[in-house]
Every structure is written in C-alpha cells, then in structure tokens.
C-alpha cells in the first residue's frame, strides 16, 4: 500500500475502496446519501452517523492526529443488496493534501461489496476515470464496478477523490463534466429549439428530425464552432427519468428530455484520463456555453437539470458552471 494514503480509515476497513469528500462546500454541498440515491434506488442509512460517540482518530505512520471537534461516530449507508458505505471518518490536513483535494476539511467513506464478482483484465484502452490503470491486473465487475463508478462520479461532482483497493488515488477533474440534460413537462419543437441554439451559435443547423405517432418530434441540432468542436441539442420523450429526480416533486420535471452535449475536435480525448491542454481549454469554454444553453432552456421550459454523472444540478451548481474562474469568454464564437 502507498504510504501516502495508508491509514485513511481504521484497520477494520483496510483494503476497502474509499471515497473522500469535502466536509463543507457551502450551500452547494450534496450529502453522501443524496449522492447515493442518484445511482441506487434503495440507498438509505441503516445506521446514521452519530449513534455511538466520537469517531476513532486516523491511524498510519504518516497520518497521526486527533479527531476534530464536532466529528460524530461513523454510520452505515446501504447502497444496494451486498454493498454499503461506512463513514464518515475525518481526514487530517496531511491526508487531504495526499489525496490532492482542495484546502479544507474532508472525510472518507469505506465502500464494501460483500461478494464481488471475479475481476477481469480490462479489454479497452479508454480510461477516462483511471479505473483500468488502477486495476491493471483485473477490473472489478458487476456490483463492485457499479459502486466504483458511482464513487468516481460522486467525487467528480463534489471535488473529492477515490482510493481504489485502498492504494491507488483517483482524483477526477470536476471541470471534466460538461453535458447537461433538462427534464421538463413542456414540449419545445425543433424550430424553436434551433432559435435557442442560434442565440449562442448562429450557424447552428438541424441534423435530424423524427416525427412520432403522437405528433411530437425527436430531433438533433448541431452548432459548429471555429475552434472548440460542436455543441449539440437533442430532444426526445423518455420512458423513465434518472433516479436522482425521484427525490423531487413530480411537478418539478417531466418526460421530455433536452440534452445539451459537447463534441470536441478530437472526441477520443473524452475517454482519456489526462487529455491535452488544448482539449482542456476548449472544454472550459464549452462548459460555459453548455451551461448557458441549459439555463436558457430551463428558463423557457422549467423542469430539472441533470449532469452527465446522473446528479441533479441546482441553481448554485449552474452558477458555478456559468462563472468559473479564469474561463475565456465565448463571444468570439459568434
């Protein structure tokens, strides 16, 4: 085990996958159980945190410290049959730094799968999340892979990290999530949607329109930019909405999905863990543009936004996407 990440949780959870999350992100903080319910329909606390006194201090040769004031005993969060998250366990500043997290307090959850399926050698080179790198000898399958996929998506959502098998640190870039989907009860036809897209990308065009027997239409629109690829707007009626919307009142969303997605100049870079600098620059501009278009659609149609990790995007989350630090303006696209 790498000494820099050893001892993040008590010995009883040694070898587990770990999910480290910031303890406080202001009003935008999403509790871990809410993150879990976006992926696991039956996620719930079987033993909430705080039931048995203070949590144990962290152990490990390089991570000696005391439990911060106000820390409560860990609980157990059921994810699915045979899978659970135990925590939170407070992390020291040194541990937080070792995980490459932003400054501030953080906490860890130990992820357990009771009967994991046999691991298999990764069959593909694409590895946006670093899982094939972390499990070069054999990639988890089934429920274990689903739990790890959720942990990486949750870490990306809130600026956290994952420690795979208690050894390999995965710190997904929070800015790598670009695409947004609006779920609304309102219908927007392709001509009106094209008008929305052209407010930002005047050269936008219709790619495909497929009429439905009920009189509605499914369609795809595309707006090409000179340097940063294309932004696509697609619409369809979906048979079911993401699990994350189940926590909302049914009047806050609907079955009509409007996706705003980014197609970079080299789409392969979407699937690599460390894309080129040019891709990152283009992505930062595209992220603002996608958020702007999603906000315009939501202002017109109401409904709820979901990101590409399956989590609900609140107003504050959208504001962060619209006003990131040092992000170039997109006005030169027009």
Protein backbone atom coordinates (compact mmCIF):
# COMPACT_ATOMS: atom_id res chain seq x y z
CA UNK A 1 0.00 0.00 0.00
CA UNK A 2 1.26 3.51 -0.83
CA UNK A 3 2.41 5.15 2.41
CA UNK A 4 0.84 8.48 1.45
CA UNK A 5 -2.67 7.01 1.55
CA UNK A 6 -2.20 4.41 4.26
CA UNK A 7 -4.30 4.66 7.40
CA UNK A 8 -7.12 6.77 6.00
CA UNK A 9 -9.69 4.70 7.89
CA UNK A 10 -9.46 2.33 10.88
CA UNK A 11 -7.93 -1.10 10.32
CA UNK A 12 -11.36 -2.78 10.23
CA UNK A 13 -11.84 -1.25 6.77
CA UNK A 14 -8.36 -1.93 5.39
CA UNK A 15 -8.43 -2.92 1.73
CA UNK A 16 -11.82 -1.34 1.06
CA UNK A 17 -12.36 1.19 -1.67
CA UNK A 18 -12.50 4.69 -0.17
CA UNK A 19 -14.50 7.74 -1.16
CA UNK A 20 -13.14 11.04 0.17
CA UNK A 21 -15.40 14.10 0.08
CA UNK A 22 -15.05 17.72 1.23
CA UNK A 23 -16.85 18.24 4.52
CA UNK A 24 -18.20 21.65 3.57
CA UNK A 25 -18.95 23.28 0.25
CA UNK A 26 -21.38 25.92 1.43
CA UNK A 27 -24.94 25.82 0.13
CA UNK A 28 -23.89 23.63 -2.80
CA UNK A 29 -22.85 20.71 -0.59
CA UNK A 30 -24.67 17.49 -1.50
CA UNK A 31 -24.94 14.90 1.32
CA UNK A 32 -23.47 11.49 0.58
CA UNK A 33 -26.85 9.76 0.92
CA UNK A 34 -28.32 12.09 -1.71
CA UNK A 35 -25.40 11.27 -4.00
CA UNK A 36 -26.04 7.57 -3.42
CA UNK A 37 -29.75 7.79 -4.22
CA UNK A 38 -28.89 9.20 -7.65
CA UNK A 39 -27.44 5.78 -8.55
CA UNK A 40 -29.02 3.32 -6.13
CA UNK A 41 -32.80 3.32 -5.77
CA UNK A 42 -32.84 1.81 -2.29
CA UNK A 43 -29.91 3.74 -0.79
CA UNK A 44 -30.58 4.68 2.84
CA UNK A 45 -28.85 4.92 6.20
CA UNK A 46 -29.22 1.66 8.13
CA UNK A 47 -27.24 3.26 10.96
CA UNK A 48 -26.95 7.05 10.67
CA UNK A 49 -23.71 8.78 11.69
CA UNK A 50 -23.54 9.97 15.28
CA UNK A 51 -25.03 6.97 17.02
CA UNK A 52 -22.05 5.96 19.13
CA UNK A 53 -19.84 8.83 20.19
CA UNK A 54 -16.78 10.26 18.52
CA UNK A 55 -15.08 8.59 15.60
CA UNK A 56 -11.67 6.99 16.09
CA UNK A 57 -8.57 9.02 15.24
CA UNK A 58 -6.95 8.21 11.92
CA UNK A 59 -4.12 5.67 12.00
CA UNK A 60 -0.98 5.37 9.91
CA UNK A 61 2.71 6.16 10.21
CA UNK A 62 2.46 9.45 8.30
CA UNK A 63 -1.01 10.44 9.49
CA UNK A 64 -1.02 10.88 13.24
CA UNK A 65 -3.65 13.24 14.57
CA UNK A 66 -6.74 13.73 16.66
CA UNK A 67 -10.40 13.75 15.77
CA UNK A 68 -11.55 17.33 15.04
CA UNK A 69 -14.21 18.86 17.26
CA UNK A 70 -17.75 18.07 16.22
CA UNK A 71 -16.93 14.81 14.43
CA UNK A 72 -19.51 12.10 15.04
CA UNK A 73 -19.32 8.32 15.01
CA UNK A 74 -19.48 6.70 11.56
CA UNK A 75 -22.70 5.28 10.23
CA UNK A 76 -23.56 2.67 7.62
CA UNK A 77 -25.19 3.67 4.34
CA UNK A 78 -26.81 0.85 2.40
CA UNK A 79 -26.20 1.28 -1.33
CA UNK A 80 -27.74 -1.96 -2.62
CA UNK A 81 -28.05 -5.58 -1.53
CA UNK A 82 -24.49 -6.56 -0.70
CA UNK A 83 -22.96 -3.07 -0.91
CA UNK A 84 -22.58 -0.38 1.73
CA UNK A 85 -20.61 2.74 2.63
CA UNK A 86 -19.31 3.18 6.18
CA UNK A 87 -18.36 6.61 7.50
CA UNK A 88 -17.61 9.43 7.69
CA UNK A 89 -14.07 9.17 9.01
CA UNK A 90 -12.39 12.59 9.42
CA UNK A 91 -9.22 13.22 7.44
CA UNK A 92 -6.31 15.26 8.69
CA UNK A 93 -4.90 18.16 6.63
CA UNK A 94 -1.96 15.94 5.64
CA UNK A 95 -4.29 13.23 4.40
CA UNK A 96 -6.38 15.74 2.50
CA UNK A 97 -3.25 17.04 0.81
CA UNK A 98 -2.09 13.50 -0.01
CA UNK A 99 -5.38 12.93 -1.84
CA UNK A 100 -4.88 16.16 -3.84
CA UNK A 101 -8.11 17.65 -2.54
CA UNK A 102 -8.76 21.36 -2.25
CA UNK A 103 -7.79 23.01 1.02
CA UNK A 104 -10.23 22.49 3.86
CA UNK A 105 -11.70 19.66 5.92
CA UNK A 106 -12.54 16.34 4.29
CA UNK A 107 -13.96 12.98 5.30
CA UNK A 108 -13.76 9.43 3.97
CA UNK A 109 -16.24 6.61 3.49
CA UNK A 110 -15.19 2.96 3.24
CA UNK A 111 -17.00 1.16 0.42
CA UNK A 112 -17.69 -2.55 0.89
CA UNK A 113 -19.09 -5.15 -1.53
CA UNK A 114 -19.84 -8.42 0.25
CA UNK A 115 -19.44 -10.90 -2.60
CA UNK A 116 -17.63 -9.25 -5.50
CA UNK A 117 -17.57 -10.94 -8.90
CA UNK A 118 -14.23 -12.21 -10.23
CA UNK A 119 -12.15 -9.45 -11.75
CA UNK A 120 -11.23 -9.40 -15.43
CA UNK A 121 -8.33 -7.86 -17.31
CA UNK A 122 -9.52 -4.55 -18.86
CA UNK A 123 -10.37 -5.07 -22.53
CA UNK A 124 -10.33 -1.42 -23.63
CA UNK A 125 -7.74 1.34 -23.61
CA UNK A 126 -10.27 4.15 -23.00
CA UNK A 127 -10.00 5.08 -19.34
CA UNK A 128 -11.48 8.48 -18.51
CA UNK A 129 -11.79 7.62 -14.82
CA UNK A 130 -8.46 5.83 -14.37
CA UNK A 131 -10.10 2.54 -13.34
CA UNK A 132 -8.22 0.43 -15.90
CA UNK A 133 -5.00 1.98 -14.64
CA UNK A 134 -5.89 1.30 -11.01
CA UNK A 135 -6.94 -2.28 -11.75
CA UNK A 136 -4.46 -3.28 -14.43
CA UNK A 137 -4.35 -6.86 -13.09
CA UNK A 138 -8.13 -7.28 -13.13
CA UNK A 139 -11.05 -4.85 -13.40
CA UNK A 140 -13.95 -5.22 -10.93
CA UNK A 141 -17.20 -6.47 -12.41
CA UNK A 142 -20.90 -6.29 -11.61
CA UNK A 143 -21.94 -4.56 -8.39
CA UNK A 144 -18.37 -3.72 -7.39
CA UNK A 145 -17.80 -1.91 -10.68
CA UNK A 146 -21.10 -0.06 -10.25
CA UNK A 147 -20.09 1.06 -6.75
CA UNK A 148 -16.73 2.27 -8.05
CA UNK A 149 -18.39 4.06 -10.96
CA UNK A 150 -20.68 5.84 -8.52
CA UNK A 151 -17.79 6.76 -6.25
CA UNK A 152 -15.82 8.31 -9.12
CA UNK A 153 -18.91 10.19 -10.37
CA UNK A 154 -19.65 11.44 -6.84
CA UNK A 155 -16.04 12.53 -6.38
CA UNK A 156 -16.17 14.42 -9.68
CA UNK A 157 -19.45 16.04 -8.66
CA UNK A 158 -18.23 17.50 -5.37
CA UNK A 159 -14.46 17.73 -5.79
CA UNK A 160 -13.50 14.55 -3.96
CA UNK A 161 -11.27 11.54 -4.58
CA UNK A 162 -11.40 7.75 -4.65
CA UNK A 163 -8.78 5.36 -3.29
CA UNK A 164 -9.16 2.11 -5.24
CA UNK A 165 -8.41 -1.00 -3.16
CA UNK A 166 -7.02 1.35 -0.52
CA UNK A 167 -3.96 2.00 -2.72
CA UNK A 168 -4.43 3.96 -5.95
CA UNK A 169 -5.72 7.53 -5.72
CA UNK A 170 -8.18 8.69 -8.41
CA UNK A 171 -8.94 12.42 -8.36
CA UNK A 172 -11.38 13.12 -11.20
CA UNK A 173 -11.40 16.64 -12.58
CA UNK A 174 -14.63 18.34 -11.51
CA UNK A 175 -14.47 20.50 -14.65
CA UNK A 176 -14.49 17.45 -16.94
CA UNK A 177 -18.27 17.15 -16.63
CA UNK A 178 -19.75 19.27 -19.43
CA UNK A 179 -23.03 17.79 -20.67
CA UNK A 180 -26.42 18.65 -19.14
CA UNK A 181 -29.94 17.32 -19.72
CA UNK A 182 -33.18 19.13 -18.90
CA UNK A 183 -36.25 17.06 -17.99
CA UNK A 184 -39.43 19.04 -18.46
CA UNK A 185 -43.18 18.60 -18.84
CA UNK A 186 -43.15 21.16 -21.65
CA UNK A 187 -42.68 20.47 -25.36
CA UNK A 188 -40.27 22.51 -27.48
CA UNK A 189 -40.34 21.90 -31.22
CA UNK A 190 -37.21 21.73 -33.39
CA UNK A 191 -37.70 25.17 -34.93
CA UNK A 192 -37.99 26.87 -31.55
CA UNK A 193 -35.07 24.85 -30.19
CA UNK A 194 -32.97 25.89 -33.18
CA UNK A 195 -33.74 29.51 -32.32
CA UNK A 196 -32.44 28.95 -28.80
CA UNK A 197 -29.23 27.34 -30.04
CA UNK A 198 -28.65 30.08 -32.61
CA UNK A 199 -28.68 32.76 -29.92
CA UNK A 200 -25.24 31.48 -28.99
CA UNK A 201 -24.06 29.64 -32.11
CA UNK A 202 -25.64 31.45 -35.10
CA UNK A 203 -24.51 28.78 -37.57
CA UNK A 204 -26.47 26.02 -35.80
CA UNK A 205 -28.44 23.68 -38.05
CA UNK A 206 -30.89 20.79 -37.95
CA UNK A 207 -29.21 17.39 -38.15
CA UNK A 208 -32.25 15.12 -37.92
CA UNK A 209 -35.97 15.25 -37.13
CA UNK A 210 -38.01 12.10 -36.48
CA UNK A 211 -41.80 12.60 -36.14
CA UNK A 212 -43.58 10.39 -33.60
CA UNK A 213 -47.05 8.84 -33.91
CA UNK A 214 -48.28 11.07 -31.06
CA UNK A 215 -47.47 14.19 -33.07
CA UNK A 216 -44.27 15.04 -31.21
CA UNK A 217 -40.84 15.00 -32.79
CA UNK A 218 -37.45 13.75 -31.74
CA UNK A 219 -34.60 15.80 -33.14
CA UNK A 220 -30.90 16.60 -33.11
CA UNK A 221 -29.44 20.06 -33.73
CA UNK A 222 -25.78 20.97 -34.02
CA UNK A 223 -23.81 24.20 -33.69
CA UNK A 224 -20.24 24.08 -35.01
CA UNK A 225 -17.64 26.41 -33.53
CA UNK A 226 -14.41 27.52 -35.24
CA UNK A 227 -12.02 26.05 -32.68
CA UNK A 228 -13.79 24.13 -29.93
CA UNK A 229 -15.81 21.46 -31.70
CA UNK A 230 -19.61 21.43 -31.72
CA UNK A 231 -22.49 21.77 -29.30
CA UNK A 232 -25.47 19.52 -29.93
CA UNK A 233 -29.02 19.86 -28.69
CA UNK A 234 -31.18 16.76 -28.84
CA UNK A 235 -34.75 16.16 -27.70
CA UNK A 236 -36.81 13.04 -27.06
CA UNK A 237 -39.55 11.74 -24.82
CA UNK A 238 -38.06 9.21 -22.41
CA UNK A 239 -39.78 6.19 -20.82
CA UNK A 240 -38.13 6.89 -17.46
CA UNK A 241 -36.17 9.70 -15.84
CA UNK A 242 -32.92 9.43 -13.84
CA UNK A 243 -33.11 8.10 -10.29
CA UNK A 244 -31.95 11.46 -8.93
CA UNK A 245 -35.23 13.05 -9.97
CA UNK A 246 -37.15 10.66 -7.74
CA UNK A 247 -36.36 12.88 -4.76
CA UNK A 248 -38.13 15.84 -6.40
CA UNK A 249 -41.81 16.61 -6.56
CA UNK A 250 -43.23 15.15 -9.79
CA UNK A 251 -44.25 18.65 -10.86
CA UNK A 252 -40.59 19.71 -10.99
CA UNK A 253 -39.74 17.60 -14.02
CA UNK A 254 -41.35 15.71 -16.88
CA UNK A 255 -40.76 13.04 -19.56
CA UNK A 256 -39.38 15.38 -22.22
CA UNK A 257 -35.58 15.30 -22.22
CA UNK A 258 -33.46 18.04 -23.81
CA UNK A 259 -29.77 17.21 -23.84
CA UNK A 260 -27.01 19.74 -24.45
CA UNK A 261 -23.76 17.95 -25.25
CA UNK A 262 -20.27 18.89 -26.37
CA UNK A 263 -18.45 17.17 -29.23
CA UNK A 264 -14.76 18.18 -29.04
CA UNK A 265 -12.47 18.45 -32.07
CA UNK A 266 -10.99 15.06 -31.10
CA UNK A 267 -13.76 13.03 -29.42
CA UNK A 268 -11.25 10.38 -28.32
CA UNK A 269 -9.95 12.82 -25.71
CA UNK A 270 -13.24 12.49 -23.83
CA UNK A 271 -12.16 8.95 -22.92
CA UNK A 272 -8.65 9.60 -21.62
CA UNK A 273 -7.75 10.33 -18.03
CA UNK A 274 -5.37 13.17 -18.84
CA UNK A 275 -6.42 14.97 -22.05
CA UNK A 276 -4.25 17.51 -23.83
CA UNK A 277 -4.03 21.15 -22.81
CA UNK A 278 -5.85 22.21 -25.97
CA UNK A 279 -8.73 19.90 -25.10
CA UNK A 280 -8.93 21.31 -21.56
CA UNK A 281 -9.02 24.90 -22.87
CA UNK A 282 -11.76 24.07 -25.37
CA UNK A 283 -13.65 22.15 -22.68
CA UNK A 284 -13.62 25.12 -20.31
CA UNK A 285 -15.25 27.30 -22.95
CA UNK A 286 -17.70 24.60 -23.98
CA UNK A 287 -18.70 24.04 -20.35
CA UNK A 288 -19.78 27.66 -20.04
CA UNK A 289 -21.67 27.53 -23.33
CA UNK A 290 -23.48 24.30 -22.45
CA UNK A 291 -24.47 25.71 -19.06
CA UNK A 292 -25.71 28.91 -20.71
CA UNK A 293 -27.87 27.00 -23.19
CA UNK A 294 -29.22 24.72 -20.45
CA UNK A 295 -30.13 27.75 -18.35
CA UNK A 296 -31.96 29.29 -21.31
CA UNK A 297 -33.91 26.08 -21.88
CA UNK A 298 -34.79 25.80 -18.21
CA UNK A 299 -35.89 29.42 -18.11
CA UNK A 300 -38.23 28.74 -21.01
CA UNK A 301 -39.48 25.23 -20.16
CA UNK A 302 -38.96 24.94 -16.37
CA UNK A 303 -38.02 21.42 -15.32
CA UNK A 304 -34.93 19.95 -13.65
CA UNK A 305 -31.34 19.67 -14.89
CA UNK A 306 -29.21 16.55 -14.52
CA UNK A 307 -25.47 16.36 -15.22
CA UNK A 308 -23.62 13.58 -17.02
CA UNK A 309 -22.96 11.87 -13.70
CA UNK A 310 -26.68 11.46 -13.05
CA UNK A 311 -26.91 14.13 -10.33
CA UNK A 312 -29.41 16.99 -10.10
CA UNK A 313 -27.91 20.39 -10.96
CA UNK A 314 -29.22 23.11 -8.64
CA UNK A 315 -29.14 26.86 -9.25
CA UNK A 316 -25.86 27.32 -7.37
CA UNK A 317 -24.27 24.47 -9.30
CA UNK A 318 -25.32 26.06 -12.56
CA UNK A 319 -23.95 29.43 -11.47
CA UNK A 320 -20.58 27.80 -10.80
CA UNK A 321 -20.55 26.47 -14.36
CA UNK A 322 -21.52 29.84 -15.78
CA UNK A 323 -18.87 31.80 -13.89
CA UNK A 324 -15.79 29.58 -13.41
CA UNK A 325 -12.51 31.27 -12.58
CA UNK A 326 -10.37 32.44 -15.48
CA UNK A 327 -12.64 30.95 -18.14
CA UNK A 328 -12.34 32.69 -21.53
CA UNK A 329 -15.41 34.31 -23.00
CA UNK A 330 -17.32 32.51 -25.73
CA UNK A 331 -18.22 35.69 -27.61
CA UNK A 332 -15.59 35.03 -30.29
CA UNK A 333 -17.67 32.07 -31.45
CA UNK A 334 -20.40 34.35 -32.72
